[in-house]
Amino acid sequence: MPRPRPEIPGPGQESVWDYPRPPRIERVDASVTIRLGGQLIVETRDVVRVLETSHPPVYYLPIADFVTGALADADGSSFCEFKGTARYLDVRGGVEVRSASAWNYPHPSPGFESLRDRVAVYAQQMDECTVDGEVVTPQPGDFYGGWITRAVVGPFKGSPGSRNW
């Protein structure tokens, strides 16, 4: 499939097709919450996001800001050519446990050191993830972990046929 035609951003929006490759990390002034099992498991303003061409932003939150017991080591790992080797984490909220639904980079590659003590979460595995009160839409597919808000336009990698974008 050829590279898709980017949507034109409206006022206050950005196109994921203007994001760089390799990805960029940036701090954002936003309030982020995640709920699982009827419980608020994190609420923080200490937020960074990773921006990469064709992907909605991936939000990384401090591990220390999650409620005690919300994160536990899980089986599995994956490798990003830019960020390094990721480990997976189970996420717990109330009586719910979502296996391998979060990840972090304990030893990130040079340039991505600020991700070391942060975790990203698959929105589709949670009850609700918000950015400044807006409920996010998960990035399409079952591998990527971007969060879609009204502030970004695509099309987004992860939808059928986008594997080679």
C-alpha atoms as a PDB file:
ATOM      1  CA  MET A   1       0.000   0.000   0.000  1.00  0.00           C
ATOM      2  CA  PRO A   2       1.452   3.400  -0.931  1.00  0.00           C
ATOM      3  CA  ARG A   3       1.866   6.148   1.634  1.00  0.00           C
ATOM      4  CA  PRO A   4      -1.591   7.546   2.360  1.00  0.00           C
ATOM      5  CA  ARG A   5      -2.704  11.091   1.807  1.00  0.00           C
ATOM      6  CA  PRO A   6      -2.424  12.993   5.112  1.00  0.00           C
ATOM      7  CA  GLU A   7      -5.539  14.676   6.451  1.00  0.00           C
ATOM      8  CA  ILE A   8      -5.309  18.451   6.622  1.00  0.00           C
ATOM      9  CA  PRO A   9      -5.170  19.650  10.229  1.00  0.00           C
ATOM     10  CA  GLY A  10      -7.676  22.221  11.383  1.00  0.00           C
ATOM     11  CA  PRO A  11      -7.011  25.049  13.848  1.00  0.00           C
ATOM     12  CA  GLY A  12      -5.282  23.713  16.966  1.00  0.00           C
ATOM     13  CA  GLN A  13      -4.578  20.326  15.370  1.00  0.00           C
ATOM     14  CA  GLU A  14      -1.398  18.641  14.190  1.00  0.00           C
ATOM     15  CA  SER A  15      -0.859  15.982  11.549  1.00  0.00           C
ATOM     16  CA  VAL A  16       0.953  12.808  12.562  1.00  0.00           C
ATOM     17  CA  TRP A  17       2.557  13.000   9.126  1.00  0.00           C
ATOM     18  CA  ASP A  18       4.490  16.065  10.299  1.00  0.00           C
ATOM     19  CA  TYR A  19       6.010  14.096  13.195  1.00  0.00           C
ATOM     20  CA  PRO A  20       9.680  13.100  12.742  1.00  0.00           C
ATOM     21  CA  ARG A  21      11.423   9.814  12.196  1.00  0.00           C
ATOM     22  CA  PRO A  22      13.369   9.011  14.303  1.00  0.00           C
ATOM     23  CA  PRO A  23      10.804   9.972  16.942  1.00  0.00           C
ATOM     24  CA  ARG A  24      10.952  13.033  19.186  1.00  0.00           C
ATOM     25  CA  ILE A  25      10.190  13.204  22.910  1.00  0.00           C
ATOM     26  CA  GLU A  26       8.455  16.281  24.273  1.00  0.00           C
ATOM     27  CA  ARG A  27       7.051  17.325  27.608  1.00  0.00           C
ATOM     28  CA  VAL A  28       3.385  18.335  27.493  1.00  0.00           C
ATOM     29  CA  ASP A  29       1.347  20.496  29.822  1.00  0.00           C
ATOM     30  CA  ALA A  30      -1.632  18.189  30.222  1.00  0.00           C
ATOM     31  CA  SER A  31      -3.495  16.251  32.855  1.00  0.00           C
ATOM     32  CA  VAL A  32      -3.639  12.511  32.131  1.00  0.00           C
ATOM     33  CA  THR A  33      -5.807   9.957  33.918  1.00  0.00           C
ATOM     34  CA  ILE A  34      -6.251   6.212  33.553  1.00  0.00           C
ATOM     35  CA  ARG A  35      -9.070   4.141  35.046  1.00  0.00           C
ATOM     36  CA  LEU A  36      -9.288   0.383  35.299  1.00  0.00           C
ATOM     37  CA  GLY A  37     -11.679  -1.802  37.267  1.00  0.00           C
ATOM     38  CA  GLY A  38     -13.600   1.258  38.396  1.00  0.00           C
ATOM     39  CA  GLN A  39     -10.460   2.679  40.022  1.00  0.00           C
ATOM     40  CA  LEU A  40      -8.374   5.734  39.167  1.00  0.00           C
ATOM     41  CA  ILE A  41      -4.925   4.162  38.862  1.00  0.00           C
ATOM     42  CA  VAL A  42      -3.029   7.279  37.815  1.00  0.00           C
ATOM     43  CA  GLU A  43      -3.612  11.017  37.600  1.00  0.00           C
ATOM     44  CA  THR A  44      -0.616  13.125  36.684  1.00  0.00           C
ATOM     45  CA  ARG A  45       0.585  16.295  35.007  1.00  0.00           C
ATOM     46  CA  ASP A  46       4.133  14.916  34.671  1.00  0.00           C
ATOM     47  CA  VAL A  47       3.667  13.840  31.066  1.00  0.00           C
ATOM     48  CA  VAL A  48       5.931  13.319  28.073  1.00  0.00           C
ATOM     49  CA  ARG A  49       4.869  12.090  24.694  1.00  0.00           C
ATOM     50  CA  VAL A  50       6.756  10.399  21.889  1.00  0.00           C
ATOM     51  CA  LEU A  51       5.951  11.613  18.380  1.00  0.00           C
ATOM     52  CA  GLU A  52       6.753   9.469  15.354  1.00  0.00           C
ATOM     53  CA  THR A  53       5.673   9.780  11.731  1.00  0.00           C
ATOM     54  CA  SER A  54       2.225   8.260  11.088  1.00  0.00           C
ATOM     55  CA  HIS A  55       1.592   7.401  14.759  1.00  0.00           C
ATOM     56  CA  PRO A  56      -0.622   9.227  17.231  1.00  0.00           C
ATOM     57  CA  PRO A  57       1.345  10.361  20.298  1.00  0.00           C
ATOM     58  CA  VAL A  58       2.356   7.761  22.867  1.00  0.00           C
ATOM     59  CA  TYR A  59       2.025   9.180  26.378  1.00  0.00           C
ATOM     60  CA  TYR A  60       4.602   8.166  28.993  1.00  0.00           C
ATOM     61  CA  LEU A  61       3.781   8.691  32.663  1.00  0.00           C
ATOM     62  CA  PRO A  62       5.975   8.335  35.754  1.00  0.00           C
ATOM     63  CA  ILE A  63       5.842   4.837  37.200  1.00  0.00           C
ATOM     64  CA  ALA A  64       5.884   6.442  40.661  1.00  0.00           C
ATOM     65  CA  ASP A  65       2.583   8.265  39.955  1.00  0.00           C
ATOM     66  CA  PHE A  66       0.580   5.022  39.593  1.00  0.00           C
ATOM     67  CA  VAL A  67      -1.260   3.799  42.684  1.00  0.00           C
ATOM     68  CA  THR A  68       0.584   1.141  44.637  1.00  0.00           C
ATOM     69  CA  GLY A  69       0.109  -2.278  43.079  1.00  0.00           C
ATOM     70  CA  ALA A  70      -1.191  -0.977  39.740  1.00  0.00           C
ATOM     71  CA  LEU A  71       1.874  -2.181  37.809  1.00  0.00           C
ATOM     72  CA  ALA A  72       3.561  -5.591  37.948  1.00  0.00           C
ATOM     73  CA  ASP A  73       6.194  -7.266  35.795  1.00  0.00           C
ATOM     74  CA  ALA A  74       4.796  -9.339  32.929  1.00  0.00           C
ATOM     75  CA  ASP A  75       6.238 -11.812  30.469  1.00  0.00           C
ATOM     76  CA  GLY A  76       7.562 -10.604  27.161  1.00  0.00           C
ATOM     77  CA  SER A  77       9.602  -7.860  25.612  1.00  0.00           C
ATOM     78  CA  SER A  78       9.944  -6.091  22.299  1.00  0.00           C
ATOM     79  CA  PHE A  79      12.601  -4.038  20.560  1.00  0.00           C
ATOM     80  CA  CYS A  80      12.329  -0.551  19.071  1.00  0.00           C
ATOM     81  CA  GLU A  81      15.138   0.473  16.754  1.00  0.00           C
ATOM     82  CA  PHE A  82      15.101   3.931  18.380  1.00  0.00           C
ATOM     83  CA  LYS A  83      14.163   3.458  22.041  1.00  0.00           C
ATOM     84  CA  GLY A  84      15.690   0.036  22.756  1.00  0.00           C
ATOM     85  CA  THR A  85      14.261  -3.017  24.517  1.00  0.00           C
ATOM     86  CA  ALA A  86      10.883  -2.642  26.217  1.00  0.00           C
ATOM     87  CA  ARG A  87       9.625  -4.780  29.060  1.00  0.00           C
ATOM     88  CA  TYR A  88       5.917  -5.412  29.535  1.00  0.00           C
ATOM     89  CA  LEU A  89       3.833  -4.801  32.626  1.00  0.00           C
ATOM     90  CA  ASP A  90       0.481  -6.066  33.836  1.00  0.00           C
ATOM     91  CA  VAL A  91      -1.919  -3.314  34.890  1.00  0.00           C
ATOM     92  CA  ARG A  92      -4.210  -3.800  37.893  1.00  0.00           C
ATOM     93  CA  GLY A  93      -7.194  -1.702  38.931  1.00  0.00           C
ATOM     94  CA  GLY A  94      -9.904  -2.813  41.346  1.00  0.00           C
ATOM     95  CA  VAL A  95     -10.311  -6.538  40.684  1.00  0.00           C
ATOM     96  CA  GLU A  96      -9.264  -6.228  37.017  1.00  0.00           C
ATOM     97  CA  VAL A  97      -5.858  -7.311  35.703  1.00  0.00           C
ATOM     98  CA  ARG A  98      -4.863  -6.630  32.099  1.00  0.00           C
ATOM     99  CA  SER A  99      -1.861  -8.702  31.115  1.00  0.00           C
ATOM    100  CA  ALA A 100       1.043  -7.016  29.334  1.00  0.00           C
ATOM    101  CA  SER A 101      -1.016  -3.874  28.762  1.00  0.00           C
ATOM    102  CA  ALA A 102       1.798  -1.424  29.562  1.00  0.00           C
ATOM    103  CA  TRP A 103       5.487  -1.143  28.755  1.00  0.00           C
ATOM    104  CA  ASN A 104       8.593   0.757  29.676  1.00  0.00           C
ATOM    105  CA  TYR A 105      12.247   1.056  28.690  1.00  0.00           C
ATOM    106  CA  PRO A 106      14.387   0.302  31.783  1.00  0.00           C
ATOM    107  CA  HIS A 107      17.589   0.926  29.780  1.00  0.00           C
ATOM    108  CA  PRO A 108      16.569   3.208  26.889  1.00  0.00           C
ATOM    109  CA  SER A 109      18.839   3.993  23.972  1.00  0.00           C
ATOM    110  CA  PRO A 110      20.815   7.249  23.923  1.00  0.00           C
ATOM    111  CA  GLY A 111      18.513  10.196  23.346  1.00  0.00           C
ATOM    112  CA  PHE A 112      15.571   8.460  25.040  1.00  0.00           C
ATOM    113  CA  GLU A 113      16.891   8.379  28.610  1.00  0.00           C
ATOM    114  CA  SER A 114      13.919  10.414  29.857  1.00  0.00           C
ATOM    115  CA  LEU A 115      11.695   7.334  29.313  1.00  0.00           C
ATOM    116  CA  ARG A 116      13.609   5.215  31.868  1.00  0.00           C
ATOM    117  CA  ASP A 117      11.203   5.635  34.815  1.00  0.00           C
ATOM    118  CA  ARG A 118       8.057   6.126  32.744  1.00  0.00           C
ATOM    119  CA  VAL A 119       5.417   3.765  31.454  1.00  0.00           C
ATOM    120  CA  ALA A 120       3.054   3.818  28.476  1.00  0.00           C
ATOM    121  CA  VAL A 121      -0.305   2.055  28.536  1.00  0.00           C
ATOM    122  CA  TYR A 122      -2.465   0.515  25.803  1.00  0.00           C
ATOM    123  CA  ALA A 123      -5.649   2.606  25.977  1.00  0.00           C
ATOM    124  CA  GLN A 124      -7.757  -0.188  24.458  1.00  0.00           C
ATOM    125  CA  GLN A 125      -6.979  -2.361  27.510  1.00  0.00           C
ATOM    126  CA  MET A 126      -8.148   0.216  30.066  1.00  0.00           C
ATOM    127  CA  ASP A 127     -11.628   1.343  31.077  1.00  0.00           C
ATOM    128  CA  GLU A 128     -10.749   4.931  30.208  1.00  0.00           C
ATOM    129  CA  CYS A 129      -7.709   7.088  29.434  1.00  0.00           C
ATOM    130  CA  THR A 130      -8.024  10.862  29.261  1.00  0.00           C
ATOM    131  CA  VAL A 131      -5.900  13.811  28.237  1.00  0.00           C
ATOM    132  CA  ASP A 132      -7.162  17.082  29.728  1.00  0.00           C
ATOM    133  CA  GLY A 133     -10.551  15.450  30.304  1.00  0.00           C
ATOM    134  CA  GLU A 134     -10.952  14.138  26.743  1.00  0.00           C
ATOM    135  CA  VAL A 135     -11.390  10.372  26.498  1.00  0.00           C
ATOM    136  CA  VAL A 136      -8.790   9.094  24.043  1.00  0.00           C
ATOM    137  CA  THR A 137      -9.340   6.701  21.161  1.00  0.00           C
ATOM    138  CA  PRO A 138      -6.739   3.913  20.976  1.00  0.00           C
ATOM    139  CA  GLN A 139      -4.454   3.700  17.953  1.00  0.00           C
ATOM    140  CA  PRO A 140      -5.793   1.059  15.546  1.00  0.00           C
ATOM    141  CA  GLY A 141      -4.361  -2.443  15.671  1.00  0.00           C
ATOM    142  CA  ASP A 142      -3.044  -4.528  18.518  1.00  0.00           C
ATOM    143  CA  PHE A 143       0.647  -3.565  18.648  1.00  0.00           C
ATOM    144  CA  TYR A 144       0.981   0.212  18.717  1.00  0.00           C
ATOM    145  CA  GLY A 145       0.042   2.244  21.776  1.00  0.00           C
ATOM    146  CA  GLY A 146      -0.738   5.751  20.549  1.00  0.00           C
ATOM    147  CA  TRP A 147      -3.601   7.798  21.937  1.00  0.00           C
ATOM    148  CA  ILE A 148      -5.827   9.710  19.507  1.00  0.00           C
ATOM    149  CA  THR A 149      -7.401  12.991  20.614  1.00  0.00           C
ATOM    150  CA  ARG A 150      -9.106  15.784  18.695  1.00  0.00           C
ATOM    151  CA  ALA A 151      -5.696  17.493  18.519  1.00  0.00           C
ATOM    152  CA  VAL A 152      -4.266  15.020  15.971  1.00  0.00           C
ATOM    153  CA  VAL A 153      -5.256  13.920  12.491  1.00  0.00           C
ATOM    154  CA  GLY A 154      -4.103  10.886  10.476  1.00  0.00           C
ATOM    155  CA  PRO A 155      -4.504   8.529   8.872  1.00  0.00           C
ATOM    156  CA  PHE A 156      -2.816   6.501  11.609  1.00  0.00           C
ATOM    157  CA  LYS A 157      -0.502   3.533  11.282  1.00  0.00           C
ATOM    158  CA  GLY A 158      -2.038   0.353  12.686  1.00  0.00           C
ATOM    159  CA  SER A 159      -5.148   0.243  10.537  1.00  0.00           C
ATOM    160  CA  PRO A 160      -5.453  -2.614   8.011  1.00  0.00           C
ATOM    161  CA  GLY A 161      -3.010  -2.179   5.134  1.00  0.00           C
ATOM    162  CA  SER A 162      -0.705   0.226   6.987  1.00  0.00           C
ATOM    163  CA  ARG A 163       2.034  -2.230   7.938  1.00  0.00           C
ATOM    164  CA  ASN A 164       4.570  -0.901   5.407  1.00  0.00           C
ATOM    165  CA  TRP A 165       3.946   2.820   5.774  1.00  0.00           C
END
